[in-house]
């Protein structure tokens, strides 16, 4: 495996998992008042464009890692909406 591929995979894993601590905190505390919905919308837009870019270039590292990020982003948005209404 090439060094550049190892760096790409490591970067993808870290980027994809970056929202996990925030999601865990929201679920644990059952509150999300401090979450910026606009940030989530902008981030999800960027992640969706990265997924599209990955498909255009047939780059599975980009597709998979950004799909993970998109799923975490949607989960944070959903839990934020759920706990924000309470």
C-alpha atoms as a PDB file:
ATOM      1  CA  UNK A   1       0.000   0.000   0.000  1.00  0.00           C
ATOM      2  CA  UNK A   2       1.328   3.417  -0.978  1.00  0.00           C
ATOM      3  CA  UNK A   3       2.095   5.980   1.748  1.00  0.00           C
ATOM      4  CA  UNK A   4      -0.312   8.477   0.173  1.00  0.00           C
ATOM      5  CA  UNK A   5      -3.128   5.933   0.414  1.00  0.00           C
ATOM      6  CA  UNK A   6      -2.334   5.305   4.093  1.00  0.00           C
ATOM      7  CA  UNK A   7      -2.457   9.053   4.747  1.00  0.00           C
ATOM      8  CA  UNK A   8      -5.751   9.303   2.832  1.00  0.00           C
ATOM      9  CA  UNK A   9      -7.328   6.466   4.785  1.00  0.00           C
ATOM     10  CA  UNK A  10      -6.126   7.874   8.126  1.00  0.00           C
ATOM     11  CA  UNK A  11      -7.423  11.346   7.243  1.00  0.00           C
ATOM     12  CA  UNK A  12     -10.740   9.874   6.131  1.00  0.00           C
ATOM     13  CA  UNK A  13     -11.189   7.881   9.322  1.00  0.00           C
ATOM     14  CA  UNK A  14     -10.382  10.860  11.541  1.00  0.00           C
ATOM     15  CA  UNK A  15     -12.570  13.241   9.551  1.00  0.00           C
ATOM     16  CA  UNK A  16     -15.429  10.765   9.376  1.00  0.00           C
ATOM     17  CA  UNK A  17     -15.303  10.114  13.105  1.00  0.00           C
ATOM     18  CA  UNK A  18     -14.907  13.769  14.114  1.00  0.00           C
ATOM     19  CA  UNK A  19     -18.613  14.224  14.853  1.00  0.00           C
ATOM     20  CA  UNK A  20     -18.843  11.118  17.054  1.00  0.00           C
ATOM     21  CA  UNK A  21     -17.941  12.898  20.344  1.00  0.00           C
ATOM     22  CA  UNK A  22     -20.574  15.588  19.694  1.00  0.00           C
ATOM     23  CA  UNK A  23     -23.229  12.991  18.935  1.00  0.00           C
ATOM     24  CA  UNK A  24     -22.324  11.018  22.071  1.00  0.00           C
ATOM     25  CA  UNK A  25     -22.554  14.193  24.183  1.00  0.00           C
ATOM     26  CA  UNK A  26     -25.989  15.073  22.802  1.00  0.00           C
ATOM     27  CA  UNK A  27     -27.301  11.569  23.459  1.00  0.00           C
ATOM     28  CA  UNK A  28     -25.733  11.377  26.938  1.00  0.00           C
ATOM     29  CA  UNK A  29     -26.922  14.814  28.108  1.00  0.00           C
ATOM     30  CA  UNK A  30     -30.229  14.756  26.189  1.00  0.00           C
ATOM     31  CA  UNK A  31     -29.826  18.413  25.274  1.00  0.00           C
ATOM     32  CA  UNK A  32     -28.569  20.248  22.225  1.00  0.00           C
ATOM     33  CA  UNK A  33     -29.174  23.934  22.815  1.00  0.00           C
ATOM     34  CA  UNK A  34     -25.603  24.892  21.914  1.00  0.00           C
ATOM     35  CA  UNK A  35     -25.615  23.211  18.491  1.00  0.00           C
ATOM     36  CA  UNK A  36     -25.647  25.506  15.468  1.00  0.00           C
ATOM     37  CA  UNK A  37     -28.136  24.205  12.916  1.00  0.00           C
ATOM     38  CA  UNK A  38     -26.598  26.455  10.247  1.00  0.00           C
ATOM     39  CA  UNK A  39     -23.201  24.825  10.851  1.00  0.00           C
ATOM     40  CA  UNK A  40     -24.796  21.406  10.436  1.00  0.00           C
ATOM     41  CA  UNK A  41     -26.499  22.451   7.199  1.00  0.00           C
ATOM     42  CA  UNK A  42     -23.284  23.909   5.739  1.00  0.00           C
ATOM     43  CA  UNK A  43     -21.254  20.872   6.837  1.00  0.00           C
ATOM     44  CA  UNK A  44     -23.796  18.440   5.390  1.00  0.00           C
ATOM     45  CA  UNK A  45     -23.788  20.376   2.108  1.00  0.00           C
ATOM     46  CA  UNK A  46     -20.004  20.159   1.922  1.00  0.00           C
ATOM     47  CA  UNK A  47     -19.982  16.468   2.798  1.00  0.00           C
ATOM     48  CA  UNK A  48     -22.603  15.734   0.125  1.00  0.00           C
ATOM     49  CA  UNK A  49     -20.477  17.556  -2.446  1.00  0.00           C
ATOM     50  CA  UNK A  50     -17.459  15.487  -1.376  1.00  0.00           C
ATOM     51  CA  UNK A  51     -19.492  12.300  -1.871  1.00  0.00           C
ATOM     52  CA  UNK A  52     -20.478  13.487  -5.338  1.00  0.00           C
ATOM     53  CA  UNK A  53     -16.826  14.319  -6.073  1.00  0.00           C
ATOM     54  CA  UNK A  54     -15.846  10.827  -4.907  1.00  0.00           C
ATOM     55  CA  UNK A  55     -18.335   9.261  -7.304  1.00  0.00           C
ATOM     56  CA  UNK A  56     -17.123  11.441 -10.180  1.00  0.00           C
ATOM     57  CA  UNK A  57     -13.557  10.270  -9.527  1.00  0.00           C
ATOM     58  CA  UNK A  58     -14.513   6.752  -8.403  1.00  0.00           C
ATOM     59  CA  UNK A  59     -12.595   7.311  -5.149  1.00  0.00           C
ATOM     60  CA  UNK A  60     -14.051   4.933  -2.569  1.00  0.00           C
ATOM     61  CA  UNK A  61     -12.061   6.387   0.327  1.00  0.00           C
ATOM     62  CA  UNK A  62     -13.727   9.763  -0.214  1.00  0.00           C
ATOM     63  CA  UNK A  63     -17.152   8.201  -0.769  1.00  0.00           C
ATOM     64  CA  UNK A  64     -17.100   5.964   2.308  1.00  0.00           C
ATOM     65  CA  UNK A  65     -15.567   8.445   4.738  1.00  0.00           C
ATOM     66  CA  UNK A  66     -17.869  11.277   3.710  1.00  0.00           C
ATOM     67  CA  UNK A  67     -20.887   8.977   3.793  1.00  0.00           C
ATOM     68  CA  UNK A  68     -19.989   8.210   7.408  1.00  0.00           C
ATOM     69  CA  UNK A  69     -19.687  11.941   8.078  1.00  0.00           C
ATOM     70  CA  UNK A  70     -23.055  12.563   6.417  1.00  0.00           C
ATOM     71  CA  UNK A  71     -24.730   9.865   8.512  1.00  0.00           C
ATOM     72  CA  UNK A  72     -23.260  11.302  11.734  1.00  0.00           C
ATOM     73  CA  UNK A  73     -24.265  14.802  10.648  1.00  0.00           C
ATOM     74  CA  UNK A  74     -27.853  13.703  10.006  1.00  0.00           C
ATOM     75  CA  UNK A  75     -27.927  11.891  13.366  1.00  0.00           C
ATOM     76  CA  UNK A  76     -26.715  15.021  15.160  1.00  0.00           C
ATOM     77  CA  UNK A  77     -29.296  17.106  13.319  1.00  0.00           C
ATOM     78  CA  UNK A  78     -32.077  14.641  14.228  1.00  0.00           C
ATOM     79  CA  UNK A  79     -31.104  14.388  17.906  1.00  0.00           C
ATOM     80  CA  UNK A  80     -30.646  18.156  18.099  1.00  0.00           C
ATOM     81  CA  UNK A  81     -34.124  18.676  16.684  1.00  0.00           C
ATOM     82  CA  UNK A  82     -35.567  16.027  19.003  1.00  0.00           C
ATOM     83  CA  UNK A  83     -33.956  17.297  22.199  1.00  0.00           C
ATOM     84  CA  UNK A  84     -34.305  20.930  21.172  1.00  0.00           C
ATOM     85  CA  UNK A  85     -38.083  20.634  21.113  1.00  0.00           C
ATOM     86  CA  UNK A  86     -38.268  19.470  24.716  1.00  0.00           C
END
